[in-house]
Protein backbone atom coordinates (compact mmCIF):
# COMPACT_ATOMS: atom_id res chain seq x y z
CA MET A 1 -22.22 42.40 -21.82
CA PRO A 2 -25.50 44.33 -22.27
CA LYS A 3 -25.19 48.08 -22.43
CA SER A 4 -26.29 49.89 -19.27
CA ILE A 5 -29.16 52.31 -19.84
CA ASP A 6 -29.68 55.39 -17.69
CA HIS A 7 -33.46 55.43 -17.64
CA GLY A 8 -33.61 58.65 -15.61
CA LYS A 9 -31.54 60.46 -18.22
CA ARG A 10 -33.65 59.02 -21.02
CA ARG A 11 -36.80 60.32 -19.34
CA ASP A 12 -35.18 63.74 -19.00
CA ASP A 13 -34.11 63.66 -22.66
CA ILE A 14 -37.69 62.96 -23.73
CA ALA A 15 -39.01 65.69 -21.40
CA LEU A 16 -36.53 68.23 -22.77
CA VAL A 17 -37.48 67.47 -26.35
CA ALA A 18 -41.14 67.79 -25.34
CA CYS A 19 -40.38 71.28 -24.02
CA LYS A 20 -38.84 72.26 -27.35
CA VAL A 21 -41.71 70.79 -29.38
CA VAL A 22 -44.38 72.48 -27.25
CA ALA A 23 -42.53 75.81 -27.34
CA LYS A 24 -42.17 75.64 -31.12
CA HIS A 25 -45.45 74.08 -32.24
CA GLY A 26 -47.90 74.67 -29.39
CA PHE A 27 -49.63 72.26 -27.05
CA GLU A 28 -52.11 70.70 -29.48
CA GLN A 29 -49.49 70.06 -32.16
CA ALA A 30 -47.04 68.51 -29.71
CA SER A 31 -48.24 64.94 -30.24
CA VAL A 32 -46.50 61.91 -28.80
CA VAL A 33 -45.59 60.88 -32.36
CA ARG A 34 -43.94 64.26 -33.03
CA ILE A 35 -42.09 64.15 -29.73
CA ALA A 36 -40.90 60.62 -30.52
CA ARG A 37 -39.72 61.69 -33.97
CA GLU A 38 -37.77 64.62 -32.49
CA THR A 39 -36.09 62.38 -29.92
CA GLY A 40 -35.22 59.70 -32.45
CA TYR A 41 -37.14 57.11 -30.46
CA THR A 42 -40.21 55.18 -31.48
CA ALA A 43 -43.63 56.00 -30.08
CA GLY A 44 -43.52 52.59 -28.42
CA MET A 45 -40.34 53.48 -26.57
CA ILE A 46 -41.89 56.76 -25.41
CA ALA A 47 -44.87 54.77 -24.14
CA HIS A 48 -42.47 52.61 -22.12
CA TYR A 49 -41.57 55.70 -20.06
CA PHE A 50 -44.79 57.73 -20.11
CA ASP A 51 -48.42 56.64 -20.10
CA SER A 52 -49.72 59.73 -21.86
CA LYS A 53 -48.86 63.08 -23.37
CA GLN A 54 -49.92 64.72 -20.11
CA GLU A 55 -47.36 62.62 -18.21
CA ILE A 56 -44.66 63.87 -20.59
CA ILE A 57 -45.73 67.48 -20.04
CA VAL A 58 -45.65 67.05 -16.26
CA ALA A 59 -42.16 65.54 -16.51
CA ALA A 60 -41.12 68.48 -18.70
CA LEU A 61 -42.39 70.94 -16.08
CA ARG A 62 -40.44 69.21 -13.34
CA LEU A 63 -37.33 69.22 -15.52
CA MET A 64 -37.67 72.94 -16.26
CA LEU A 65 -38.01 73.68 -12.56
CA ARG A 66 -34.87 71.67 -11.77
CA ARG A 67 -32.93 73.46 -14.49
CA ILE A 68 -34.04 76.89 -13.28
CA GLU A 69 -33.30 75.99 -9.65
CA ALA A 70 -29.81 74.85 -10.63
CA ARG A 71 -29.13 78.17 -12.35
CA LEU A 72 -30.61 80.25 -9.53
CA THR A 73 -28.52 78.46 -6.92
CA GLN A 74 -25.27 78.11 -8.85
CA ARG A 75 -23.83 81.19 -7.10
CA GLU A 76 -24.54 80.03 -3.55
CA GLY A 77 -21.53 80.67 -1.35
CA GLU A 78 -20.45 83.63 -3.45
CA PRO A 79 -21.29 87.32 -2.91
CA ALA A 80 -24.89 87.63 -4.00
CA ASP A 81 -25.79 89.62 -7.08
CA LEU A 82 -29.56 89.51 -6.93
CA LEU A 83 -30.11 90.98 -10.40
CA ALA A 84 -27.77 88.47 -12.04
CA VAL A 85 -29.38 85.57 -10.17
CA LEU A 86 -32.98 86.52 -10.98
CA CYS A 87 -32.06 87.13 -14.63
CA GLU A 88 -31.55 83.37 -14.86
CA ALA A 89 -35.36 83.07 -14.87
CA LEU A 90 -35.80 85.42 -17.85
CA PRO A 91 -35.78 84.44 -21.56
CA LEU A 92 -32.43 86.09 -22.27
CA ASP A 93 -30.98 83.43 -24.58
CA PRO A 94 -32.34 80.62 -26.81
CA GLU A 95 -32.27 78.02 -24.05
CA ARG A 96 -34.13 80.15 -21.52
CA TYR A 97 -36.48 81.45 -24.21
CA MET A 98 -37.45 77.86 -25.01
CA GLU A 99 -38.15 77.15 -21.33
CA CYS A 100 -40.23 80.30 -20.91
CA ALA A 101 -42.15 79.71 -24.16
CA PHE A 102 -42.97 76.18 -23.01
CA TRP A 103 -44.15 77.58 -19.68
CA MET A 104 -46.43 80.12 -21.34
CA VAL A 105 -47.99 77.45 -23.56
CA PHE A 106 -48.55 75.26 -20.52
CA VAL A 107 -50.22 78.09 -18.58
CA GLY A 108 -52.66 78.49 -21.46
CA GLN A 109 -53.87 74.91 -20.89
CA VAL A 110 -54.27 75.08 -17.12
CA SER A 111 -57.85 76.37 -16.93
CA ALA A 112 -59.21 73.36 -18.84
CA ASP A 113 -57.53 70.60 -16.84
CA LYS A 114 -57.92 69.99 -13.09
CA ARG A 115 -54.70 68.04 -12.77
CA LEU A 116 -52.70 70.68 -14.60
CA LYS A 117 -54.20 73.26 -12.22
CA ARG A 118 -52.78 71.31 -9.28
CA ILE A 119 -49.42 70.96 -11.01
CA ASN A 120 -49.42 74.68 -11.79
CA ALA A 121 -50.14 75.54 -8.14
CA TRP A 122 -47.25 73.32 -7.05
CA VAL A 123 -44.88 74.89 -9.59
CA HIS A 124 -45.94 78.37 -8.46
CA ARG A 125 -45.14 77.50 -4.84
CA GLU A 126 -41.75 76.15 -5.89
CA TYR A 127 -40.97 79.33 -7.83
CA GLN A 128 -41.89 81.40 -4.78
CA ARG A 129 -39.62 79.26 -2.61
CA LEU A 130 -36.71 79.75 -5.00
CA PHE A 131 -37.21 83.50 -5.38
CA LYS A 132 -37.64 83.93 -1.63
CA ARG A 133 -34.28 82.25 -1.08
CA CYS A 134 -32.72 84.56 -3.68
CA LEU A 135 -34.13 87.68 -2.02
CA ALA A 136 -32.99 86.56 1.43
CA SER A 137 -29.49 86.03 0.08
CA GLY A 138 -29.36 89.18 -2.04
CA TRP A 139 -30.79 91.75 0.37
CA SER A 140 -29.12 91.83 3.79
CA GLU A 141 -32.05 93.70 5.34
CA TRP A 142 -34.58 91.06 4.25
CA ALA A 143 -34.58 89.31 7.63
CA ASP A 144 -35.41 92.57 9.43
CA TRP A 145 -38.64 93.11 7.51
CA SER A 146 -41.97 91.93 8.84
CA PRO A 147 -43.41 88.67 7.41
CA LYS A 148 -46.18 90.67 5.74
CA LEU A 149 -43.72 93.03 4.05
CA ARG A 150 -41.56 90.11 2.89
CA ASP A 151 -44.62 88.35 1.44
CA GLN A 152 -45.76 91.50 -0.36
CA THR A 153 -42.30 92.10 -1.81
CA LEU A 154 -41.92 88.48 -2.90
CA ALA A 155 -45.33 88.54 -4.59
CA SER A 156 -44.39 91.72 -6.44
CA VAL A 157 -41.10 90.25 -7.68
CA VAL A 158 -42.75 87.02 -8.86
CA THR A 159 -45.59 88.91 -10.56
CA PHE A 160 -43.18 91.24 -12.34
CA ILE A 161 -40.94 88.42 -13.58
CA ASN A 162 -43.98 86.49 -14.81
CA GLY A 163 -45.28 89.55 -16.65
CA LEU A 164 -41.90 90.39 -18.13
CA THR A 165 -41.46 86.79 -19.25
CA ALA A 166 -44.88 86.77 -20.93
CA SER A 167 -44.12 90.04 -22.74
CA ALA A 168 -40.73 88.82 -23.95
CA VAL A 169 -42.13 85.53 -25.21
CA ALA A 170 -45.10 87.18 -26.94
CA SER A 171 -42.99 89.91 -28.57
CA ARG A 172 -39.38 88.78 -28.67
CA SER A 173 -38.12 91.61 -30.88
CA ASP A 174 -39.56 94.24 -28.54
CA TRP A 175 -37.83 92.74 -25.51
CA PRO A 176 -34.16 92.07 -26.23
CA ALA A 177 -32.05 90.84 -23.30
CA PRO A 178 -30.64 94.29 -22.35
CA ARG A 179 -34.14 95.76 -22.06
CA GLN A 180 -35.34 92.87 -19.91
CA ILE A 181 -32.37 93.27 -17.57
CA GLU A 182 -32.85 97.03 -17.37
CA GLN A 183 -36.53 96.73 -16.46
CA LEU A 184 -35.88 94.06 -13.84
CA SER A 185 -33.12 96.20 -12.33
CA LEU A 186 -35.46 99.20 -12.09
CA GLN A 187 -38.22 97.11 -10.52
CA LEU A 188 -35.91 95.57 -7.91
CA ALA A 189 -34.58 99.01 -6.97
CA PHE A 190 -38.12 100.37 -6.64
CA LEU A 191 -39.34 97.43 -4.54
CA ARG A 192 -36.30 97.53 -2.27
CA ARG A 193 -36.65 101.26 -1.64
CA HIS A 194 -40.36 100.90 -0.96
CA ALA A 195 -39.77 98.02 1.47
CA LEU A 196 -37.00 99.87 3.30
CA GLU A 197 -39.22 102.93 3.73
CA ALA A 198 -42.18 100.83 4.85
CA SER A 199 -40.03 98.93 7.35
CA ALA A 200 -38.59 102.15 8.79
CA ALA A 201 -42.05 103.70 9.07
CA ALA A 202 -43.38 100.64 10.89
CA LYS A 203 -40.62 100.87 13.50
CA LYS A 204 -41.15 104.58 14.16
CA PRO A 205 -43.73 105.40 16.89
CA SER A 206 -46.70 107.20 15.41
CA LYS A 207 -47.74 110.66 16.59
CA LYS A 208 -51.01 109.23 17.83
CA ARG A 209 -49.25 106.63 19.98
CA ARG A 210 -46.92 109.26 21.45
CA GLU A 211 -49.81 111.59 22.27
CA GLY A 212 -51.77 108.71 23.74
CA ALA A 213 -48.98 108.02 26.21
CA GLN A 214 -48.85 111.55 27.63
CA PRO A 215 -52.01 111.42 29.77
CA VAL A 216 -50.71 108.25 31.44
CA VAL A 217 -47.44 109.99 32.32
CA LYS A 218 -49.26 113.03 33.71
CA LEU A 219 -51.59 110.82 35.70
CA MET A 220 -48.65 109.03 37.24
CA GLU A 221 -47.05 112.36 38.19
CA THR A 222 -50.17 113.41 40.14
CA MET A 223 -50.48 110.14 42.02
CA PRO A 224 -49.65 110.36 45.78
């Protein structure tokens, strides 16, 4: 009886190896031949699953997004610890460092390739969707904030995590895991305090509005 082959898993295996090769050797050096050698497959077998190196890279991006989403959502149904959840997106261990290093190499190629630009825009939207869900779960007051304030806060969180990730990948020794966690904790506390203050200020009637209402009241009092 012929052995059953899980082609989806094989594609994911190739994509994961591609991530590791790109993270270690860079985009240009991550040839299909090198990826095939690292997987233990032939270049012909790789070609059976992917038409080009770009197709492998796109599959690797989708795989990374699925892996990150799985980690970010693994605590659903439990009391939310926003810091712990968002730390899953940081390069805190070898596995996550590899993912983040791959991502940074990919970003460096985006400006020269129209299709990669579209893929990058899609990935960015997916990251925002994931982080937005994390913030809504982790901060009970999130739903009370205005859409504009939520968008601003989400953008700040995403931008900070991207910047922290880039710094940690570029200078790993300067950004050990404890320092990354500490900085993210400080940033979340700052953004939450700022949003709470902004939300409270928006709900409070301004002095100008209160003064503007007085003439109307006085006018009504003098009406027959």
